[in-house]
Amino acid sequence: MSDEPIQPIPDPDGRFAGLVHGGVETITTAGGNVMLDAAVSYRTAACEISTVKEGFVFDWASIPLAFTWYIPPAGDGKNCYGIAALFHDWLYCHRKIGGRPVTRAECDGLFLEIMLYVGVTGWLARTMWAAVRAGGWLPWWRRADKDIIP
């Protein structure tokens, strides 16, 4: 389990499945990344199910180091954007929701959807979304599915 306490994630409509004590359970790995300790699912506003599988390694939100004191990668206790970053990283790697291929724009859109759903402050959610729209074309999106954990 991670050294950080599990951050409770608001789920007013019961869209998440697999949360542990209301949060995501992770194990810290080498290099500061974390590994998901149990599968977590999210039902989108369009009623599709996206499931991040146990064992997926990710880095929470990719925040420039100079800003991590103000915007911690996993969330700050009142803004639970870490869960959105988890699903965003998963979708960038696997490019599918329930077997349906998704575009980069759809992945970025789900990132924003989840942040707003869990109550991330509007300006912060939209700023983070704009950042992934601007920088999402970097090497993440070009990785082939075969190079990623199945």
C-alpha atoms as a PDB file:
ATOM      1  CA  MET A   1       0.000   0.000   0.000  1.00  0.00           C
ATOM      2  CA  SER A   2       1.124   3.564  -0.667  1.00  0.00           C
ATOM      3  CA  ASP A   3       2.546   5.649   2.181  1.00  0.00           C
ATOM      4  CA  GLU A   4      -0.084   8.316   1.528  1.00  0.00           C
ATOM      5  CA  PRO A   5      -3.542   7.908   3.066  1.00  0.00           C
ATOM      6  CA  ILE A   6      -6.353   6.912   0.721  1.00  0.00           C
ATOM      7  CA  GLN A   7      -8.090  10.066  -0.470  1.00  0.00           C
ATOM      8  CA  PRO A   8     -11.898   9.689  -0.336  1.00  0.00           C
ATOM      9  CA  ILE A   9     -13.382  10.202  -3.789  1.00  0.00           C
ATOM     10  CA  PRO A  10     -16.848  11.738  -4.072  1.00  0.00           C
ATOM     11  CA  ASP A  11     -19.206   9.422  -5.978  1.00  0.00           C
ATOM     12  CA  PRO A  12     -22.710  10.944  -5.754  1.00  0.00           C
ATOM     13  CA  ASP A  13     -24.256   8.795  -8.518  1.00  0.00           C
ATOM     14  CA  GLY A  14     -22.386   5.549  -7.769  1.00  0.00           C
ATOM     15  CA  ARG A  15     -20.380   5.603 -10.997  1.00  0.00           C
ATOM     16  CA  PHE A  16     -17.251   4.017  -9.512  1.00  0.00           C
ATOM     17  CA  ALA A  17     -16.756   0.356  -8.625  1.00  0.00           C
ATOM     18  CA  GLY A  18     -13.748  -1.090  -6.813  1.00  0.00           C
ATOM     19  CA  LEU A  19     -12.873   1.862  -4.612  1.00  0.00           C
ATOM     20  CA  VAL A  20     -11.335   0.816  -1.286  1.00  0.00           C
ATOM     21  CA  HIS A  21     -12.605   2.844   1.680  1.00  0.00           C
ATOM     22  CA  GLY A  22     -13.843   5.395  -0.838  1.00  0.00           C
ATOM     23  CA  GLY A  23     -10.461   5.777  -2.551  1.00  0.00           C
ATOM     24  CA  VAL A  24      -7.891   4.175  -4.834  1.00  0.00           C
ATOM     25  CA  GLU A  25      -5.476   1.712  -3.250  1.00  0.00           C
ATOM     26  CA  THR A  26      -1.950   1.843  -4.684  1.00  0.00           C
ATOM     27  CA  ILE A  27       1.525   0.496  -4.051  1.00  0.00           C
ATOM     28  CA  THR A  28       4.527   2.811  -4.512  1.00  0.00           C
ATOM     29  CA  THR A  29       7.001   1.491  -7.088  1.00  0.00           C
ATOM     30  CA  ALA A  30      10.465   2.487  -8.194  1.00  0.00           C
ATOM     31  CA  GLY A  31      10.798   5.952  -9.660  1.00  0.00           C
ATOM     32  CA  GLY A  32       7.911   7.422  -7.689  1.00  0.00           C
ATOM     33  CA  ASN A  33       5.226   5.751  -9.783  1.00  0.00           C
ATOM     34  CA  VAL A  34       2.379   3.811  -8.230  1.00  0.00           C
ATOM     35  CA  MET A  35       0.749   0.495  -9.081  1.00  0.00           C
ATOM     36  CA  LEU A  36      -2.979  -0.037  -8.775  1.00  0.00           C
ATOM     37  CA  ASP A  37      -3.627  -2.658  -6.093  1.00  0.00           C
ATOM     38  CA  ALA A  38      -7.179  -3.520  -7.223  1.00  0.00           C
ATOM     39  CA  ALA A  39      -9.195  -2.932 -10.391  1.00  0.00           C
ATOM     40  CA  VAL A  40     -11.328   0.232 -10.486  1.00  0.00           C
ATOM     41  CA  SER A  41     -14.216   0.947 -12.883  1.00  0.00           C
ATOM     42  CA  TYR A  42     -16.034   4.111 -13.886  1.00  0.00           C
ATOM     43  CA  ARG A  43     -19.398   4.380 -15.661  1.00  0.00           C
ATOM     44  CA  THR A  44     -19.240   7.343 -18.023  1.00  0.00           C
ATOM     45  CA  ALA A  45     -22.049   9.851 -18.547  1.00  0.00           C
ATOM     46  CA  ALA A  46     -22.719   7.904 -21.781  1.00  0.00           C
ATOM     47  CA  CYS A  47     -23.117   4.701 -19.659  1.00  0.00           C
ATOM     48  CA  GLU A  48     -19.940   3.018 -20.936  1.00  0.00           C
ATOM     49  CA  ILE A  49     -17.759   1.186 -18.410  1.00  0.00           C
ATOM     50  CA  SER A  50     -14.014   1.806 -18.303  1.00  0.00           C
ATOM     51  CA  THR A  51     -12.035  -0.522 -16.035  1.00  0.00           C
ATOM     52  CA  VAL A  52      -8.433   0.041 -15.019  1.00  0.00           C
ATOM     53  CA  LYS A  53      -6.951  -3.357 -14.227  1.00  0.00           C
ATOM     54  CA  GLU A  54      -5.048  -4.310 -11.100  1.00  0.00           C
ATOM     55  CA  GLY A  55      -1.281  -3.952 -11.589  1.00  0.00           C
ATOM     56  CA  PHE A  56      -1.465  -0.889 -13.855  1.00  0.00           C
ATOM     57  CA  VAL A  57       1.501   1.420 -13.173  1.00  0.00           C
ATOM     58  CA  PHE A  58       0.918   5.159 -13.488  1.00  0.00           C
ATOM     59  CA  ASP A  59       2.133   8.495 -12.132  1.00  0.00           C
ATOM     60  CA  TRP A  60      -1.075  10.330 -11.138  1.00  0.00           C
ATOM     61  CA  ALA A  61      -1.349  13.749 -12.807  1.00  0.00           C
ATOM     62  CA  SER A  62       1.709  14.922 -14.719  1.00  0.00           C
ATOM     63  CA  ILE A  63       2.256  18.235 -12.952  1.00  0.00           C
ATOM     64  CA  PRO A  64       5.419  20.232 -13.716  1.00  0.00           C
ATOM     65  CA  LEU A  65       7.753  19.947 -10.718  1.00  0.00           C
ATOM     66  CA  ALA A  66       7.651  23.703 -10.036  1.00  0.00           C
ATOM     67  CA  PHE A  67       3.891  23.480  -9.357  1.00  0.00           C
ATOM     68  CA  THR A  68       3.641  20.245  -7.334  1.00  0.00           C
ATOM     69  CA  TRP A  69       3.747  22.176  -4.040  1.00  0.00           C
ATOM     70  CA  TYR A  70       0.416  23.762  -5.048  1.00  0.00           C
ATOM     71  CA  ILE A  71      -1.054  20.995  -7.237  1.00  0.00           C
ATOM     72  CA  PRO A  72       0.107  17.607  -5.867  1.00  0.00           C
ATOM     73  CA  PRO A  73      -0.056  14.844  -8.526  1.00  0.00           C
ATOM     74  CA  ALA A  74      -2.552  12.629  -6.622  1.00  0.00           C
ATOM     75  CA  GLY A  75      -4.863  15.456  -5.536  1.00  0.00           C
ATOM     76  CA  ASP A  76      -4.955  17.874  -2.639  1.00  0.00           C
ATOM     77  CA  GLY A  77      -7.702  16.540  -0.363  1.00  0.00           C
ATOM     78  CA  LYS A  78     -10.502  18.666  -1.801  1.00  0.00           C
ATOM     79  CA  ASN A  79      -9.717  18.290  -5.507  1.00  0.00           C
ATOM     80  CA  CYS A  80      -9.678  14.568  -6.331  1.00  0.00           C
ATOM     81  CA  TYR A  81      -8.200  14.804  -9.824  1.00  0.00           C
ATOM     82  CA  GLY A  82      -5.916  11.813  -9.192  1.00  0.00           C
ATOM     83  CA  ILE A  83      -8.720   9.370 -10.084  1.00  0.00           C
ATOM     84  CA  ALA A  84      -9.257  11.214 -13.382  1.00  0.00           C
ATOM     85  CA  ALA A  85      -5.516  11.030 -14.096  1.00  0.00           C
ATOM     86  CA  LEU A  86      -5.584   7.268 -13.451  1.00  0.00           C
ATOM     87  CA  PHE A  87      -8.326   6.692 -16.038  1.00  0.00           C
ATOM     88  CA  HIS A  88      -6.695   9.142 -18.463  1.00  0.00           C
ATOM     89  CA  ASP A  89      -3.347   7.308 -18.285  1.00  0.00           C
ATOM     90  CA  TRP A  90      -5.137   3.955 -18.721  1.00  0.00           C
ATOM     91  CA  LEU A  91      -7.022   5.179 -21.778  1.00  0.00           C
ATOM     92  CA  TYR A  92      -3.908   6.717 -23.311  1.00  0.00           C
ATOM     93  CA  CYS A  93      -2.234   3.310 -22.985  1.00  0.00           C
ATOM     94  CA  HIS A  94      -5.088   1.056 -24.083  1.00  0.00           C
ATOM     95  CA  ARG A  95      -7.190   3.379 -26.253  1.00  0.00           C
ATOM     96  CA  LYS A  96     -10.413   1.472 -25.618  1.00  0.00           C
ATOM     97  CA  ILE A  97     -13.503   1.663 -23.445  1.00  0.00           C
ATOM     98  CA  GLY A  98     -15.268  -1.678 -23.257  1.00  0.00           C
ATOM     99  CA  GLY A  99     -13.575  -2.817 -26.471  1.00  0.00           C
ATOM    100  CA  ARG A 100     -14.571   0.334 -28.395  1.00  0.00           C
ATOM    101  CA  PRO A 101     -11.605   2.301 -29.750  1.00  0.00           C
ATOM    102  CA  VAL A 102     -11.390   5.867 -28.418  1.00  0.00           C
ATOM    103  CA  THR A 103      -9.644   8.924 -29.769  1.00  0.00           C
ATOM    104  CA  ARG A 104      -7.214  11.091 -27.868  1.00  0.00           C
ATOM    105  CA  ALA A 105      -9.901  13.798 -27.708  1.00  0.00           C
ATOM    106  CA  GLU A 106     -12.318  11.292 -26.090  1.00  0.00           C
ATOM    107  CA  CYS A 107      -9.657  10.301 -23.533  1.00  0.00           C
ATOM    108  CA  ASP A 108      -9.054  13.948 -22.699  1.00  0.00           C
ATOM    109  CA  GLY A 109     -12.799  14.567 -22.533  1.00  0.00           C
ATOM    110  CA  LEU A 110     -13.258  11.723 -20.045  1.00  0.00           C
ATOM    111  CA  PHE A 111     -10.454  13.218 -17.950  1.00  0.00           C
ATOM    112  CA  LEU A 112     -12.483  16.443 -17.729  1.00  0.00           C
ATOM    113  CA  GLU A 113     -15.750  14.556 -17.151  1.00  0.00           C
ATOM    114  CA  ILE A 114     -14.345  12.620 -14.190  1.00  0.00           C
ATOM    115  CA  MET A 115     -12.750  15.709 -12.652  1.00  0.00           C
ATOM    116  CA  LEU A 116     -16.020  17.644 -12.804  1.00  0.00           C
ATOM    117  CA  TYR A 117     -17.990  14.603 -11.570  1.00  0.00           C
ATOM    118  CA  VAL A 118     -15.846  14.258  -8.425  1.00  0.00           C
ATOM    119  CA  GLY A 119     -16.064  17.988  -7.738  1.00  0.00           C
ATOM    120  CA  VAL A 120     -12.693  19.335  -8.830  1.00  0.00           C
ATOM    121  CA  THR A 121     -12.854  23.139  -8.893  1.00  0.00           C
ATOM    122  CA  GLY A 122     -13.989  24.228 -12.363  1.00  0.00           C
ATOM    123  CA  TRP A 123     -11.011  26.465 -13.182  1.00  0.00           C
ATOM    124  CA  LEU A 124      -8.557  23.764 -12.100  1.00  0.00           C
ATOM    125  CA  ALA A 125     -10.349  21.001 -14.029  1.00  0.00           C
ATOM    126  CA  ARG A 126     -10.447  23.085 -17.196  1.00  0.00           C
ATOM    127  CA  THR A 127      -6.812  24.160 -16.807  1.00  0.00           C
ATOM    128  CA  MET A 128      -5.670  20.556 -16.389  1.00  0.00           C
ATOM    129  CA  TRP A 129      -7.835  19.483 -19.342  1.00  0.00           C
ATOM    130  CA  ALA A 130      -6.326  22.261 -21.507  1.00  0.00           C
ATOM    131  CA  ALA A 131      -2.844  21.110 -20.521  1.00  0.00           C
ATOM    132  CA  VAL A 132      -3.497  17.519 -21.635  1.00  0.00           C
ATOM    133  CA  ARG A 133      -5.106  18.767 -24.850  1.00  0.00           C
ATOM    134  CA  ALA A 134      -1.973  20.817 -25.541  1.00  0.00           C
ATOM    135  CA  GLY A 135       0.562  18.147 -24.547  1.00  0.00           C
ATOM    136  CA  GLY A 136      -1.242  14.836 -25.072  1.00  0.00           C
ATOM    137  CA  TRP A 137       0.324  14.287 -28.488  1.00  0.00           C
ATOM    138  CA  LEU A 138       3.654  13.539 -26.795  1.00  0.00           C
ATOM    139  CA  PRO A 139       4.973   9.924 -26.776  1.00  0.00           C
ATOM    140  CA  TRP A 140       2.119   8.504 -24.612  1.00  0.00           C
ATOM    141  CA  TRP A 141      -0.359   8.486 -27.462  1.00  0.00           C
ATOM    142  CA  ARG A 142       2.011   6.887 -29.968  1.00  0.00           C
ATOM    143  CA  ARG A 143       2.697   3.808 -27.824  1.00  0.00           C
ATOM    144  CA  ALA A 144       1.364   0.581 -29.272  1.00  0.00           C
ATOM    145  CA  ASP A 145      -1.034  -1.513 -27.187  1.00  0.00           C
ATOM    146  CA  LYS A 146       1.411  -4.428 -27.266  1.00  0.00           C
ATOM    147  CA  ASP A 147       3.940  -2.311 -25.323  1.00  0.00           C
ATOM    148  CA  ILE A 148       1.534  -1.777 -22.437  1.00  0.00           C
ATOM    149  CA  ILE A 149       0.317  -4.036 -19.626  1.00  0.00           C
ATOM    150  CA  PRO A 150      -2.620  -6.058 -21.041  1.00  0.00           C
END
